[in-house]
Amino acid sequence: MACIALQNCCYGEDTHALTRRQEAGAAGAIEAVVAATKEHAESAPMLDVGAATLRLIVHKVSALKTRAIKAGAKEEWVKPIAQGGGILSFRKIGFGTSRRNRD
């Protein structure tokens, strides 16, 4: 549930979303999500939620992506959300959350 709360905090394309992502990173969210994801690596749902959370935290902030990899995240956990579709494409696919498509 903590990962989903972080997803909600880091979601968005507005200018404040970048600040929220940077604040999450400064508060240790990246390291916490990487640790939880690794600790529960045998759980496919946890891998999905962990990767989705990391993708949102590092979205459009390359320094945070680098930090996540240094913390032990796999490249596929921090890959870009979508080519040309932005963060909305992330929501449409439904990675790691129980959110319903609102389109």
N, C-alpha and C. Protein backbone atom coordinates (compact mmCIF):
# COMPACT_ATOMS: atom_id res chain seq x y z
N MET A 1 0.82 -1.20 0.00
CA MET A 1 0.00 0.00 0.00
C MET A 1 0.86 1.26 0.00
N ALA A 2 2.04 1.18 0.62
CA ALA A 2 2.93 2.34 0.62
C ALA A 2 3.37 2.68 -0.79
N CYS A 3 3.60 1.66 -1.61
CA CYS A 3 3.99 1.91 -3.00
C CYS A 3 2.87 2.61 -3.76
N ILE A 4 1.65 2.18 -3.54
CA ILE A 4 0.52 2.81 -4.23
C ILE A 4 0.35 4.26 -3.76
N ALA A 5 0.59 4.51 -2.48
CA ALA A 5 0.53 5.89 -1.98
C ALA A 5 1.60 6.74 -2.67
N LEU A 6 2.80 6.18 -2.85
CA LEU A 6 3.86 6.91 -3.56
C LEU A 6 3.47 7.15 -5.02
N GLN A 7 2.83 6.17 -5.64
CA GLN A 7 2.38 6.36 -7.02
C GLN A 7 1.44 7.56 -7.10
N ASN A 8 0.51 7.63 -6.16
CA ASN A 8 -0.43 8.75 -6.16
C ASN A 8 0.28 10.08 -5.96
N CYS A 9 1.29 10.11 -5.13
CA CYS A 9 2.04 11.35 -4.89
C CYS A 9 2.86 11.76 -6.11
N CYS A 10 3.41 10.80 -6.82
CA CYS A 10 4.33 11.10 -7.91
C CYS A 10 3.66 11.18 -9.28
N TYR A 11 2.39 10.87 -9.35
CA TYR A 11 1.66 10.86 -10.62
C TYR A 11 1.45 12.28 -11.11
N GLY A 12 1.52 12.47 -12.41
CA GLY A 12 1.18 13.75 -13.01
C GLY A 12 2.22 14.26 -13.98
N GLU A 13 1.78 15.18 -14.80
CA GLU A 13 2.65 15.84 -15.78
C GLU A 13 2.80 17.33 -15.47
N ASP A 14 2.17 17.80 -14.43
CA ASP A 14 2.24 19.20 -14.06
C ASP A 14 3.62 19.55 -13.50
N THR A 15 3.91 20.82 -13.40
CA THR A 15 5.23 21.25 -12.90
C THR A 15 5.46 20.81 -11.47
N HIS A 16 4.42 20.69 -10.68
CA HIS A 16 4.57 20.27 -9.30
C HIS A 16 4.90 18.77 -9.18
N ALA A 17 4.57 18.01 -10.21
CA ALA A 17 4.87 16.57 -10.18
C ALA A 17 6.37 16.33 -10.08
N LEU A 18 7.16 17.12 -10.79
CA LEU A 18 8.61 16.99 -10.70
C LEU A 18 9.10 17.27 -9.28
N THR A 19 8.53 18.26 -8.66
CA THR A 19 8.89 18.57 -7.27
C THR A 19 8.50 17.43 -6.34
N ARG A 20 7.31 16.88 -6.55
CA ARG A 20 6.87 15.76 -5.70
C ARG A 20 7.81 14.56 -5.87
N ARG A 21 8.24 14.29 -7.10
CA ARG A 21 9.16 13.17 -7.34
C ARG A 21 10.50 13.42 -6.66
N GLN A 22 11.00 14.64 -6.79
CA GLN A 22 12.29 14.96 -6.16
C GLN A 22 12.19 14.87 -4.64
N GLU A 23 11.09 15.31 -4.09
CA GLU A 23 10.88 15.23 -2.63
C GLU A 23 10.79 13.77 -2.19
N ALA A 24 10.11 12.94 -2.97
CA ALA A 24 10.02 11.51 -2.64
C ALA A 24 11.41 10.89 -2.65
N GLY A 25 12.20 11.25 -3.65
CA GLY A 25 13.58 10.75 -3.71
C GLY A 25 14.41 11.22 -2.53
N ALA A 26 14.27 12.48 -2.17
CA ALA A 26 15.02 13.03 -1.04
C ALA A 26 14.62 12.38 0.28
N ALA A 27 13.38 11.92 0.36
CA ALA A 27 12.88 11.29 1.59
C ALA A 27 13.25 9.81 1.69
N GLY A 28 13.93 9.28 0.66
CA GLY A 28 14.36 7.88 0.71
C GLY A 28 13.41 6.89 0.06
N ALA A 29 12.44 7.40 -0.69
CA ALA A 29 11.44 6.52 -1.31
C ALA A 29 12.07 5.54 -2.30
N ILE A 30 13.05 5.99 -3.05
CA ILE A 30 13.67 5.11 -4.05
C ILE A 30 14.31 3.90 -3.37
N GLU A 31 15.12 4.16 -2.38
CA GLU A 31 15.80 3.06 -1.69
C GLU A 31 14.80 2.13 -1.00
N ALA A 32 13.74 2.70 -0.43
CA ALA A 32 12.73 1.88 0.25
C ALA A 32 11.99 0.98 -0.75
N VAL A 33 11.64 1.53 -1.91
CA VAL A 33 10.91 0.73 -2.91
C VAL A 33 11.83 -0.35 -3.50
N VAL A 34 13.08 0.00 -3.78
CA VAL A 34 14.02 -1.00 -4.29
C VAL A 34 14.18 -2.13 -3.28
N ALA A 35 14.37 -1.78 -2.01
CA ALA A 35 14.55 -2.80 -0.97
C ALA A 35 13.32 -3.70 -0.85
N ALA A 36 12.13 -3.11 -0.85
CA ALA A 36 10.90 -3.90 -0.74
C ALA A 36 10.70 -4.79 -1.96
N THR A 37 11.01 -4.26 -3.12
CA THR A 37 10.85 -5.03 -4.35
C THR A 37 11.81 -6.22 -4.36
N LYS A 38 13.04 -5.98 -3.96
CA LYS A 38 14.02 -7.08 -3.90
C LYS A 38 13.64 -8.10 -2.83
N GLU A 39 13.17 -7.62 -1.69
CA GLU A 39 12.82 -8.51 -0.60
C GLU A 39 11.66 -9.45 -0.97
N HIS A 40 10.78 -8.96 -1.83
CA HIS A 40 9.61 -9.75 -2.24
C HIS A 40 9.69 -10.13 -3.72
N ALA A 41 10.88 -10.38 -4.19
CA ALA A 41 11.11 -10.66 -5.62
C ALA A 41 10.38 -11.90 -6.11
N GLU A 42 10.01 -12.81 -5.21
CA GLU A 42 9.30 -14.01 -5.62
C GLU A 42 7.82 -13.73 -5.91
N SER A 43 7.36 -12.56 -5.58
CA SER A 43 5.96 -12.19 -5.77
C SER A 43 5.80 -11.34 -7.04
N ALA A 44 5.19 -11.91 -8.06
CA ALA A 44 4.97 -11.18 -9.31
C ALA A 44 4.18 -9.89 -9.09
N PRO A 45 3.13 -9.90 -8.28
CA PRO A 45 2.41 -8.64 -8.05
C PRO A 45 3.29 -7.57 -7.39
N MET A 46 4.15 -7.97 -6.46
CA MET A 46 5.04 -7.00 -5.82
C MET A 46 6.04 -6.45 -6.82
N LEU A 47 6.56 -7.31 -7.70
CA LEU A 47 7.48 -6.82 -8.73
C LEU A 47 6.78 -5.79 -9.61
N ASP A 48 5.53 -6.06 -9.98
CA ASP A 48 4.77 -5.12 -10.80
C ASP A 48 4.56 -3.79 -10.08
N VAL A 49 4.14 -3.87 -8.83
CA VAL A 49 3.88 -2.64 -8.06
C VAL A 49 5.18 -1.88 -7.81
N GLY A 50 6.24 -2.60 -7.46
CA GLY A 50 7.52 -1.95 -7.21
C GLY A 50 8.06 -1.25 -8.45
N ALA A 51 8.02 -1.95 -9.58
CA ALA A 51 8.50 -1.35 -10.83
C ALA A 51 7.64 -0.16 -11.23
N ALA A 52 6.33 -0.29 -11.10
CA ALA A 52 5.43 0.82 -11.44
C ALA A 52 5.73 2.04 -10.57
N THR A 53 5.97 1.81 -9.31
CA THR A 53 6.26 2.90 -8.39
C THR A 53 7.57 3.58 -8.75
N LEU A 54 8.59 2.78 -9.01
CA LEU A 54 9.88 3.37 -9.40
C LEU A 54 9.76 4.15 -10.70
N ARG A 55 9.02 3.62 -11.67
CA ARG A 55 8.85 4.35 -12.94
C ARG A 55 8.20 5.71 -12.71
N LEU A 56 7.23 5.77 -11.83
CA LEU A 56 6.60 7.06 -11.55
C LEU A 56 7.53 8.00 -10.81
N ILE A 57 8.28 7.49 -9.85
CA ILE A 57 9.19 8.35 -9.10
C ILE A 57 10.27 8.95 -10.01
N VAL A 58 10.81 8.16 -10.92
CA VAL A 58 11.93 8.63 -11.75
C VAL A 58 11.48 9.27 -13.06
N HIS A 59 10.19 9.27 -13.35
CA HIS A 59 9.67 9.79 -14.62
C HIS A 59 10.16 11.21 -14.87
N LYS A 60 10.89 11.38 -15.95
CA LYS A 60 11.43 12.68 -16.41
C LYS A 60 12.44 13.31 -15.45
N VAL A 61 13.03 12.51 -14.56
CA VAL A 61 14.07 13.02 -13.65
C VAL A 61 15.24 12.03 -13.73
N SER A 62 16.15 12.27 -14.66
CA SER A 62 17.23 11.32 -14.93
C SER A 62 18.12 11.08 -13.71
N ALA A 63 18.31 12.08 -12.87
CA ALA A 63 19.14 11.89 -11.68
C ALA A 63 18.51 10.86 -10.74
N LEU A 64 17.19 10.84 -10.67
CA LEU A 64 16.51 9.86 -9.83
C LEU A 64 16.60 8.46 -10.43
N LYS A 65 16.55 8.38 -11.75
CA LYS A 65 16.72 7.08 -12.41
C LYS A 65 18.10 6.53 -12.11
N THR A 66 19.11 7.35 -12.23
CA THR A 66 20.49 6.94 -11.93
C THR A 66 20.59 6.49 -10.47
N ARG A 67 19.97 7.24 -9.60
CA ARG A 67 19.99 6.89 -8.17
C ARG A 67 19.31 5.55 -7.92
N ALA A 68 18.21 5.30 -8.60
CA ALA A 68 17.50 4.02 -8.43
C ALA A 68 18.37 2.85 -8.88
N ILE A 69 19.06 3.01 -9.98
CA ILE A 69 19.93 1.93 -10.48
C ILE A 69 21.08 1.71 -9.50
N LYS A 70 21.65 2.80 -8.99
CA LYS A 70 22.72 2.66 -8.00
C LYS A 70 22.23 1.99 -6.72
N ALA A 71 20.93 2.16 -6.42
CA ALA A 71 20.35 1.54 -5.23
C ALA A 71 20.03 0.06 -5.45
N GLY A 72 20.18 -0.39 -6.70
CA GLY A 72 19.95 -1.81 -6.99
C GLY A 72 18.75 -2.12 -7.87
N ALA A 73 18.09 -1.09 -8.38
CA ALA A 73 16.96 -1.33 -9.28
C ALA A 73 17.45 -1.91 -10.60
N LYS A 74 16.70 -2.82 -11.15
CA LYS A 74 17.00 -3.36 -12.47
C LYS A 74 16.57 -2.33 -13.51
N GLU A 75 17.25 -2.34 -14.65
CA GLU A 75 16.93 -1.39 -15.73
C GLU A 75 15.46 -1.43 -16.11
N GLU A 76 14.88 -2.64 -16.18
CA GLU A 76 13.48 -2.74 -16.60
C GLU A 76 12.53 -2.13 -15.56
N TRP A 77 12.98 -1.99 -14.32
CA TRP A 77 12.14 -1.38 -13.29
C TRP A 77 12.02 0.14 -13.47
N VAL A 78 12.97 0.74 -14.16
CA VAL A 78 12.98 2.21 -14.31
C VAL A 78 12.93 2.64 -15.77
N LYS A 79 12.50 1.73 -16.63
CA LYS A 79 12.40 2.09 -18.05
C LYS A 79 11.34 3.17 -18.22
N PRO A 80 11.43 3.94 -19.30
CA PRO A 80 10.43 4.99 -19.53
C PRO A 80 9.01 4.41 -19.53
N ILE A 81 8.08 5.19 -19.08
CA ILE A 81 6.69 4.74 -18.96
C ILE A 81 6.09 4.42 -20.31
N ALA A 82 6.20 5.31 -21.27
CA ALA A 82 5.66 5.07 -22.60
C ALA A 82 6.31 6.02 -23.58
N GLN A 83 6.52 5.53 -24.78
CA GLN A 83 7.06 6.38 -25.84
C GLN A 83 5.95 7.27 -26.38
N GLY A 84 6.09 8.56 -26.24
CA GLY A 84 5.14 9.50 -26.81
C GLY A 84 3.79 9.57 -26.11
N GLY A 85 3.50 8.63 -25.22
CA GLY A 85 2.20 8.62 -24.58
C GLY A 85 2.19 9.31 -23.23
N GLY A 86 3.36 9.59 -22.71
CA GLY A 86 3.45 10.25 -21.41
C GLY A 86 2.90 9.40 -20.29
N ILE A 87 2.68 10.02 -19.20
CA ILE A 87 2.27 9.32 -18.00
C ILE A 87 0.84 8.78 -18.12
N LEU A 88 0.02 9.38 -18.97
CA LEU A 88 -1.33 8.88 -19.15
C LEU A 88 -1.32 7.45 -19.68
N SER A 89 -0.37 7.12 -20.54
CA SER A 89 -0.27 5.75 -21.05
C SER A 89 0.00 4.78 -19.92
N PHE A 90 0.75 5.20 -18.93
CA PHE A 90 1.03 4.38 -17.75
C PHE A 90 -0.29 4.02 -17.08
N ARG A 91 -1.15 4.98 -16.91
CA ARG A 91 -2.43 4.75 -16.24
C ARG A 91 -3.32 3.83 -17.08
N LYS A 92 -3.35 4.02 -18.40
CA LYS A 92 -4.20 3.20 -19.25
C LYS A 92 -3.81 1.73 -19.18
N ILE A 93 -2.52 1.45 -19.09
CA ILE A 93 -2.05 0.08 -19.02
C ILE A 93 -2.37 -0.52 -17.66
N GLY A 94 -2.38 0.31 -16.62
CA GLY A 94 -2.76 -0.16 -15.29
C GLY A 94 -1.64 -0.84 -14.53
N PHE A 95 -0.40 -0.51 -14.80
CA PHE A 95 0.71 -1.12 -14.09
C PHE A 95 0.57 -0.95 -12.59
N GLY A 96 0.55 -2.05 -11.89
CA GLY A 96 0.72 -2.05 -10.45
C GLY A 96 -0.35 -1.38 -9.61
N THR A 97 -1.43 -0.95 -10.19
CA THR A 97 -2.44 -0.30 -9.38
C THR A 97 -3.80 -0.88 -9.68
N SER A 98 -4.74 -0.56 -8.85
CA SER A 98 -6.10 -1.00 -9.07
C SER A 98 -6.95 0.13 -9.63
N ARG A 99 -6.29 1.18 -10.09
CA ARG A 99 -7.04 2.32 -10.65
C ARG A 99 -7.79 1.89 -11.89
N ARG A 100 -8.96 2.44 -12.04
CA ARG A 100 -9.76 2.15 -13.22
C ARG A 100 -9.46 3.20 -14.28
N ASN A 101 -9.53 2.81 -15.54
CA ASN A 101 -9.32 3.74 -16.65
C ASN A 101 -10.45 4.77 -16.63
N ARG A 102 -10.08 6.03 -16.56
CA ARG A 102 -11.08 7.08 -16.46
C ARG A 102 -11.34 7.77 -17.78
N ASP A 103 -10.82 7.25 -18.87
CA ASP A 103 -11.02 7.88 -20.19
C ASP A 103 -12.37 7.53 -20.76
